[in-house]
Amino acid sequence: MTDSSLYHQQPEFWTLTWPDLLKRQTHVTTCTIEIQHDEHSLHAHVSLDDGTTLGPGDRMIVQGPPIRLSFGESCTLNRGVKITRATALERLWIKIASYFELTELYEVSFTPGKLP
């Protein structure tokens, strides 16, 4: 082997591409929406039909017209949903920021004496 053939076996710097860790990926699937609006409960639950799990920073957009229910009604619908995955940097930022947000839940009190 000559020196020139060894040189061409390794990729050149300007031909390298960014890793997929910095790109957002989208996924389209279907979901089941259960909505209840009565005196016992007011809720809307969305479950993905293909079992996809969402991670920190992922965005989900349910497609279709807005759903309006009168008081006392409930319904179950199937709709399309577009999931946009967060990048690795976004996930890292959310995990770091969540530790600082957790400290907002702490309550520290400096009261003199013992508490009953």
N, C-alpha and C. Protein backbone atom coordinates (compact mmCIF):
# COMPACT_ATOMS: atom_id res chain seq x y z
N MET A 1 0.83 -1.18 0.00
CA MET A 1 0.00 0.00 0.00
C MET A 1 0.88 1.24 0.00
N THR A 2 0.46 2.17 -0.76
CA THR A 2 1.22 3.41 -0.81
C THR A 2 0.67 4.39 0.22
N ASP A 3 1.41 5.44 0.44
CA ASP A 3 0.99 6.43 1.41
C ASP A 3 -0.30 7.13 0.99
N SER A 4 -0.52 7.30 -0.30
CA SER A 4 -1.72 7.99 -0.77
C SER A 4 -2.97 7.15 -0.53
N SER A 5 -2.88 5.81 -0.62
CA SER A 5 -4.06 4.97 -0.37
C SER A 5 -4.44 4.98 1.11
N LEU A 6 -3.46 5.08 2.02
CA LEU A 6 -3.76 5.17 3.44
C LEU A 6 -4.44 6.49 3.76
N TYR A 7 -4.03 7.53 3.09
CA TYR A 7 -4.60 8.85 3.33
C TYR A 7 -6.07 8.89 2.94
N HIS A 8 -6.46 8.24 1.86
CA HIS A 8 -7.83 8.29 1.36
C HIS A 8 -8.78 7.37 2.11
N GLN A 9 -8.30 6.50 2.98
CA GLN A 9 -9.18 5.61 3.72
C GLN A 9 -9.88 6.33 4.88
N GLN A 10 -9.30 7.39 5.38
CA GLN A 10 -9.90 8.11 6.49
C GLN A 10 -10.73 9.27 5.95
N PRO A 11 -11.88 9.54 6.58
CA PRO A 11 -12.71 10.65 6.08
C PRO A 11 -12.03 11.99 6.32
N GLU A 12 -12.26 12.88 5.39
CA GLU A 12 -11.69 14.20 5.53
C GLU A 12 -12.57 15.05 6.44
N PHE A 13 -11.99 16.03 7.08
CA PHE A 13 -12.69 16.83 8.07
C PHE A 13 -13.93 17.51 7.50
N TRP A 14 -13.86 18.10 6.32
CA TRP A 14 -14.97 18.87 5.77
C TRP A 14 -16.08 17.98 5.23
N THR A 15 -15.89 16.67 5.16
CA THR A 15 -16.97 15.78 4.71
C THR A 15 -17.76 15.20 5.88
N LEU A 16 -17.35 15.45 7.12
CA LEU A 16 -18.08 14.93 8.27
C LEU A 16 -19.37 15.74 8.46
N THR A 17 -20.43 15.07 8.86
CA THR A 17 -21.72 15.73 9.09
C THR A 17 -22.01 15.79 10.58
N TRP A 18 -22.92 16.70 10.97
CA TRP A 18 -23.32 16.79 12.38
C TRP A 18 -24.03 15.52 12.78
N PRO A 19 -23.86 15.10 14.00
CA PRO A 19 -24.56 13.87 14.42
C PRO A 19 -26.06 14.11 14.52
N ASP A 20 -26.80 13.03 14.48
CA ASP A 20 -28.25 13.12 14.58
C ASP A 20 -28.72 13.60 15.95
N LEU A 21 -27.80 13.72 16.89
CA LEU A 21 -28.17 14.18 18.23
C LEU A 21 -28.64 15.62 18.24
N LEU A 22 -28.28 16.40 17.22
CA LEU A 22 -28.64 17.81 17.17
C LEU A 22 -29.85 18.07 16.28
N LYS A 23 -30.45 17.02 15.73
CA LYS A 23 -31.59 17.19 14.83
C LYS A 23 -32.87 16.76 15.53
N ARG A 24 -33.95 17.50 15.26
CA ARG A 24 -35.26 17.11 15.78
C ARG A 24 -35.86 16.06 14.85
N GLN A 25 -36.46 15.05 15.45
CA GLN A 25 -37.12 14.01 14.68
C GLN A 25 -38.62 14.11 14.92
N THR A 26 -39.40 13.86 13.88
CA THR A 26 -40.85 13.88 14.01
C THR A 26 -41.40 12.49 13.76
N HIS A 27 -42.53 12.24 14.38
CA HIS A 27 -43.18 10.93 14.29
C HIS A 27 -44.68 11.18 14.24
N VAL A 28 -45.38 10.60 13.28
CA VAL A 28 -46.82 10.76 13.15
C VAL A 28 -47.48 9.44 13.49
N THR A 29 -48.47 9.48 14.37
CA THR A 29 -49.18 8.28 14.78
C THR A 29 -50.62 8.66 15.12
N THR A 30 -51.35 7.74 15.72
CA THR A 30 -52.72 8.02 16.13
C THR A 30 -52.82 7.97 17.65
N CYS A 31 -53.87 8.58 18.18
CA CYS A 31 -54.07 8.59 19.62
C CYS A 31 -55.55 8.45 19.93
N THR A 32 -55.83 8.06 21.16
CA THR A 32 -57.19 7.97 21.67
C THR A 32 -57.35 9.04 22.73
N ILE A 33 -58.39 9.87 22.60
CA ILE A 33 -58.65 10.96 23.53
C ILE A 33 -59.93 10.65 24.28
N GLU A 34 -59.85 10.64 25.60
CA GLU A 34 -61.03 10.45 26.45
C GLU A 34 -61.29 11.76 27.20
N ILE A 35 -62.49 12.33 27.00
CA ILE A 35 -62.83 13.61 27.61
C ILE A 35 -64.10 13.43 28.42
N GLN A 36 -64.10 14.01 29.62
CA GLN A 36 -65.28 13.97 30.48
C GLN A 36 -65.48 15.35 31.09
N HIS A 37 -66.73 15.84 31.03
CA HIS A 37 -67.06 17.16 31.56
C HIS A 37 -68.41 17.05 32.27
N ASP A 38 -68.37 16.72 33.56
CA ASP A 38 -69.59 16.62 34.34
C ASP A 38 -69.31 17.03 35.78
N GLU A 39 -70.29 16.81 36.67
CA GLU A 39 -70.13 17.26 38.04
C GLU A 39 -69.08 16.48 38.82
N HIS A 40 -68.71 15.30 38.33
CA HIS A 40 -67.70 14.49 39.01
C HIS A 40 -66.28 14.78 38.56
N SER A 41 -66.12 15.15 37.29
CA SER A 41 -64.77 15.29 36.77
C SER A 41 -64.74 16.19 35.54
N LEU A 42 -63.63 16.86 35.37
CA LEU A 42 -63.33 17.61 34.15
C LEU A 42 -61.92 17.22 33.76
N HIS A 43 -61.77 16.35 32.76
CA HIS A 43 -60.45 15.87 32.38
C HIS A 43 -60.42 15.48 30.90
N ALA A 44 -59.20 15.41 30.38
CA ALA A 44 -58.93 14.92 29.03
C ALA A 44 -57.66 14.10 29.10
N HIS A 45 -57.75 12.83 28.73
CA HIS A 45 -56.61 11.93 28.73
C HIS A 45 -56.29 11.54 27.29
N VAL A 46 -55.01 11.61 26.95
CA VAL A 46 -54.55 11.23 25.62
C VAL A 46 -53.61 10.04 25.77
N SER A 47 -53.90 8.96 25.05
CA SER A 47 -53.00 7.80 25.04
C SER A 47 -52.62 7.50 23.60
N LEU A 48 -51.34 7.29 23.38
CA LEU A 48 -50.83 7.01 22.03
C LEU A 48 -51.10 5.55 21.70
N ASP A 49 -51.65 5.31 20.51
CA ASP A 49 -52.07 3.97 20.13
C ASP A 49 -50.92 3.01 19.87
N ASP A 50 -49.77 3.53 19.43
CA ASP A 50 -48.65 2.64 19.13
C ASP A 50 -47.72 2.41 20.32
N GLY A 51 -48.07 2.95 21.49
CA GLY A 51 -47.28 2.72 22.69
C GLY A 51 -46.03 3.57 22.79
N THR A 52 -45.92 4.60 21.99
CA THR A 52 -44.77 5.50 22.04
C THR A 52 -44.76 6.23 23.39
N THR A 53 -43.59 6.34 23.98
CA THR A 53 -43.46 7.10 25.22
C THR A 53 -42.82 8.45 24.93
N LEU A 54 -43.26 9.45 25.64
CA LEU A 54 -42.73 10.79 25.46
C LEU A 54 -41.64 11.04 26.49
N GLY A 55 -40.62 11.77 26.08
CA GLY A 55 -39.52 12.11 26.98
C GLY A 55 -39.54 13.58 27.31
N PRO A 56 -38.61 14.02 28.14
CA PRO A 56 -38.54 15.43 28.50
C PRO A 56 -38.30 16.30 27.26
N GLY A 57 -39.13 17.32 27.09
CA GLY A 57 -38.96 18.25 25.98
C GLY A 57 -39.67 17.86 24.71
N ASP A 58 -40.26 16.67 24.64
CA ASP A 58 -40.99 16.26 23.44
C ASP A 58 -42.28 17.06 23.33
N ARG A 59 -42.67 17.36 22.10
CA ARG A 59 -43.90 18.11 21.86
C ARG A 59 -44.88 17.22 21.11
N MET A 60 -46.16 17.37 21.45
CA MET A 60 -47.20 16.57 20.83
C MET A 60 -48.32 17.50 20.37
N ILE A 61 -48.69 17.42 19.10
CA ILE A 61 -49.76 18.24 18.55
C ILE A 61 -50.85 17.31 18.04
N VAL A 62 -52.03 17.38 18.66
CA VAL A 62 -53.16 16.57 18.23
C VAL A 62 -53.82 17.28 17.07
N GLN A 63 -54.06 16.55 15.99
CA GLN A 63 -54.58 17.13 14.77
C GLN A 63 -56.11 17.03 14.75
N GLY A 64 -56.74 17.96 14.08
CA GLY A 64 -58.19 17.96 13.96
C GLY A 64 -58.80 19.23 14.53
N PRO A 65 -60.10 19.37 14.37
CA PRO A 65 -60.77 20.57 14.88
C PRO A 65 -60.85 20.55 16.40
N PRO A 66 -61.04 21.71 17.02
CA PRO A 66 -61.17 21.76 18.49
C PRO A 66 -62.38 20.94 18.96
N ILE A 67 -62.26 20.39 20.14
CA ILE A 67 -63.32 19.57 20.72
C ILE A 67 -64.06 20.41 21.75
N ARG A 68 -65.36 20.48 21.63
CA ARG A 68 -66.18 21.25 22.57
C ARG A 68 -67.26 20.34 23.13
N LEU A 69 -67.33 20.30 24.45
CA LEU A 69 -68.35 19.49 25.12
C LEU A 69 -69.17 20.37 26.03
N SER A 70 -70.44 20.11 26.08
CA SER A 70 -71.31 20.79 27.03
C SER A 70 -71.22 20.09 28.37
N PHE A 71 -71.71 20.75 29.40
CA PHE A 71 -71.68 20.17 30.73
C PHE A 71 -72.51 18.88 30.76
N GLY A 72 -71.94 17.85 31.36
CA GLY A 72 -72.61 16.56 31.47
C GLY A 72 -72.27 15.59 30.35
N GLU A 73 -71.43 15.97 29.42
CA GLU A 73 -71.08 15.10 28.30
C GLU A 73 -69.71 14.47 28.49
N SER A 74 -69.50 13.37 27.81
CA SER A 74 -68.19 12.73 27.73
C SER A 74 -68.07 12.08 26.37
N CYS A 75 -66.84 11.92 25.89
CA CYS A 75 -66.65 11.30 24.57
C CYS A 75 -65.27 10.68 24.49
N THR A 76 -65.13 9.77 23.54
CA THR A 76 -63.86 9.13 23.22
C THR A 76 -63.64 9.29 21.73
N LEU A 77 -62.49 9.85 21.35
CA LEU A 77 -62.18 10.13 19.95
C LEU A 77 -60.86 9.50 19.55
N ASN A 78 -60.70 9.24 18.26
CA ASN A 78 -59.41 8.82 17.70
C ASN A 78 -58.96 9.92 16.75
N ARG A 79 -57.74 10.39 16.96
CA ARG A 79 -57.19 11.47 16.14
C ARG A 79 -55.75 11.16 15.78
N GLY A 80 -55.27 11.88 14.79
CA GLY A 80 -53.86 11.82 14.45
C GLY A 80 -53.06 12.73 15.36
N VAL A 81 -51.80 12.41 15.57
CA VAL A 81 -50.95 13.22 16.43
C VAL A 81 -49.56 13.28 15.82
N LYS A 82 -48.93 14.45 15.91
CA LYS A 82 -47.57 14.65 15.42
C LYS A 82 -46.67 14.87 16.64
N ILE A 83 -45.67 14.01 16.79
CA ILE A 83 -44.75 14.08 17.92
C ILE A 83 -43.42 14.61 17.41
N THR A 84 -42.92 15.66 18.04
CA THR A 84 -41.61 16.21 17.71
C THR A 84 -40.69 15.92 18.89
N ARG A 85 -39.66 15.13 18.65
CA ARG A 85 -38.72 14.75 19.69
C ARG A 85 -37.75 15.89 19.98
N ALA A 86 -37.39 16.06 21.23
CA ALA A 86 -36.41 17.06 21.63
C ALA A 86 -35.01 16.58 21.24
N THR A 87 -34.13 17.53 20.98
CA THR A 87 -32.74 17.17 20.68
C THR A 87 -32.03 16.78 21.98
N ALA A 88 -30.86 16.21 21.84
CA ALA A 88 -30.10 15.79 23.02
C ALA A 88 -29.73 17.00 23.89
N LEU A 89 -29.41 18.12 23.26
CA LEU A 89 -29.09 19.33 24.03
C LEU A 89 -30.31 19.86 24.78
N GLU A 90 -31.48 19.81 24.16
CA GLU A 90 -32.70 20.25 24.83
C GLU A 90 -33.01 19.36 26.03
N ARG A 91 -32.87 18.04 25.86
CA ARG A 91 -33.11 17.11 26.97
C ARG A 91 -32.15 17.37 28.13
N LEU A 92 -30.89 17.62 27.81
CA LEU A 92 -29.90 17.90 28.84
C LEU A 92 -30.26 19.19 29.58
N TRP A 93 -30.64 20.23 28.84
CA TRP A 93 -31.00 21.49 29.45
C TRP A 93 -32.22 21.33 30.37
N ILE A 94 -33.21 20.57 29.94
CA ILE A 94 -34.41 20.36 30.75
C ILE A 94 -34.08 19.60 32.02
N LYS A 95 -33.21 18.61 31.94
CA LYS A 95 -32.83 17.86 33.13
C LYS A 95 -32.07 18.73 34.13
N ILE A 96 -31.20 19.60 33.62
CA ILE A 96 -30.45 20.50 34.51
C ILE A 96 -31.39 21.53 35.12
N ALA A 97 -32.25 22.13 34.30
CA ALA A 97 -33.17 23.15 34.79
C ALA A 97 -34.18 22.58 35.78
N SER A 98 -34.53 21.32 35.64
CA SER A 98 -35.52 20.72 36.54
C SER A 98 -34.99 20.62 37.96
N TYR A 99 -33.69 20.45 38.14
CA TYR A 99 -33.13 20.41 39.49
C TYR A 99 -33.30 21.76 40.19
N PHE A 100 -33.13 22.85 39.45
CA PHE A 100 -33.30 24.17 40.04
C PHE A 100 -34.78 24.47 40.31
N GLU A 101 -35.66 23.99 39.46
CA GLU A 101 -37.09 24.19 39.68
C GLU A 101 -37.57 23.38 40.87
N LEU A 102 -36.94 22.25 41.13
CA LEU A 102 -37.32 21.42 42.26
C LEU A 102 -37.09 22.15 43.58
N THR A 103 -36.07 22.98 43.62
CA THR A 103 -35.78 23.69 44.87
C THR A 103 -36.88 24.69 45.21
N GLU A 104 -37.70 25.10 44.25
CA GLU A 104 -38.81 26.00 44.54
C GLU A 104 -39.87 25.33 45.39
N LEU A 105 -39.89 24.00 45.40
CA LEU A 105 -40.87 23.27 46.19
C LEU A 105 -40.47 23.15 47.65
N TYR A 106 -39.21 23.38 47.96
CA TYR A 106 -38.75 23.28 49.35
C TYR A 106 -39.27 24.47 50.15
N GLU A 107 -39.67 24.20 51.37
CA GLU A 107 -40.07 25.28 52.26
C GLU A 107 -39.17 25.22 53.48
N VAL A 108 -38.43 26.28 53.68
CA VAL A 108 -37.50 26.34 54.80
C VAL A 108 -37.99 27.43 55.75
N SER A 109 -38.05 27.08 57.01
CA SER A 109 -38.54 28.03 58.00
C SER A 109 -37.52 28.14 59.11
N PHE A 110 -37.25 29.35 59.53
CA PHE A 110 -36.32 29.58 60.64
C PHE A 110 -37.13 30.16 61.80
N THR A 111 -37.82 29.29 62.51
CA THR A 111 -38.60 29.74 63.65
C THR A 111 -37.86 29.41 64.95
N PRO A 112 -37.91 30.30 65.89
CA PRO A 112 -37.23 30.01 67.16
C PRO A 112 -38.01 28.97 67.96
N GLY A 113 -37.28 28.13 68.64
CA GLY A 113 -37.92 27.13 69.50
C GLY A 113 -38.32 25.89 68.76
N LYS A 114 -38.99 25.00 69.49
CA LYS A 114 -39.44 23.72 68.92
C LYS A 114 -40.84 23.85 68.37
N LEU A 115 -41.11 23.06 67.35
CA LEU A 115 -42.45 23.00 66.79
C LEU A 115 -43.25 21.95 67.55
N PRO A 116 -44.54 22.15 67.75
CA PRO A 116 -45.34 21.16 68.50
C PRO A 116 -45.47 19.85 67.77
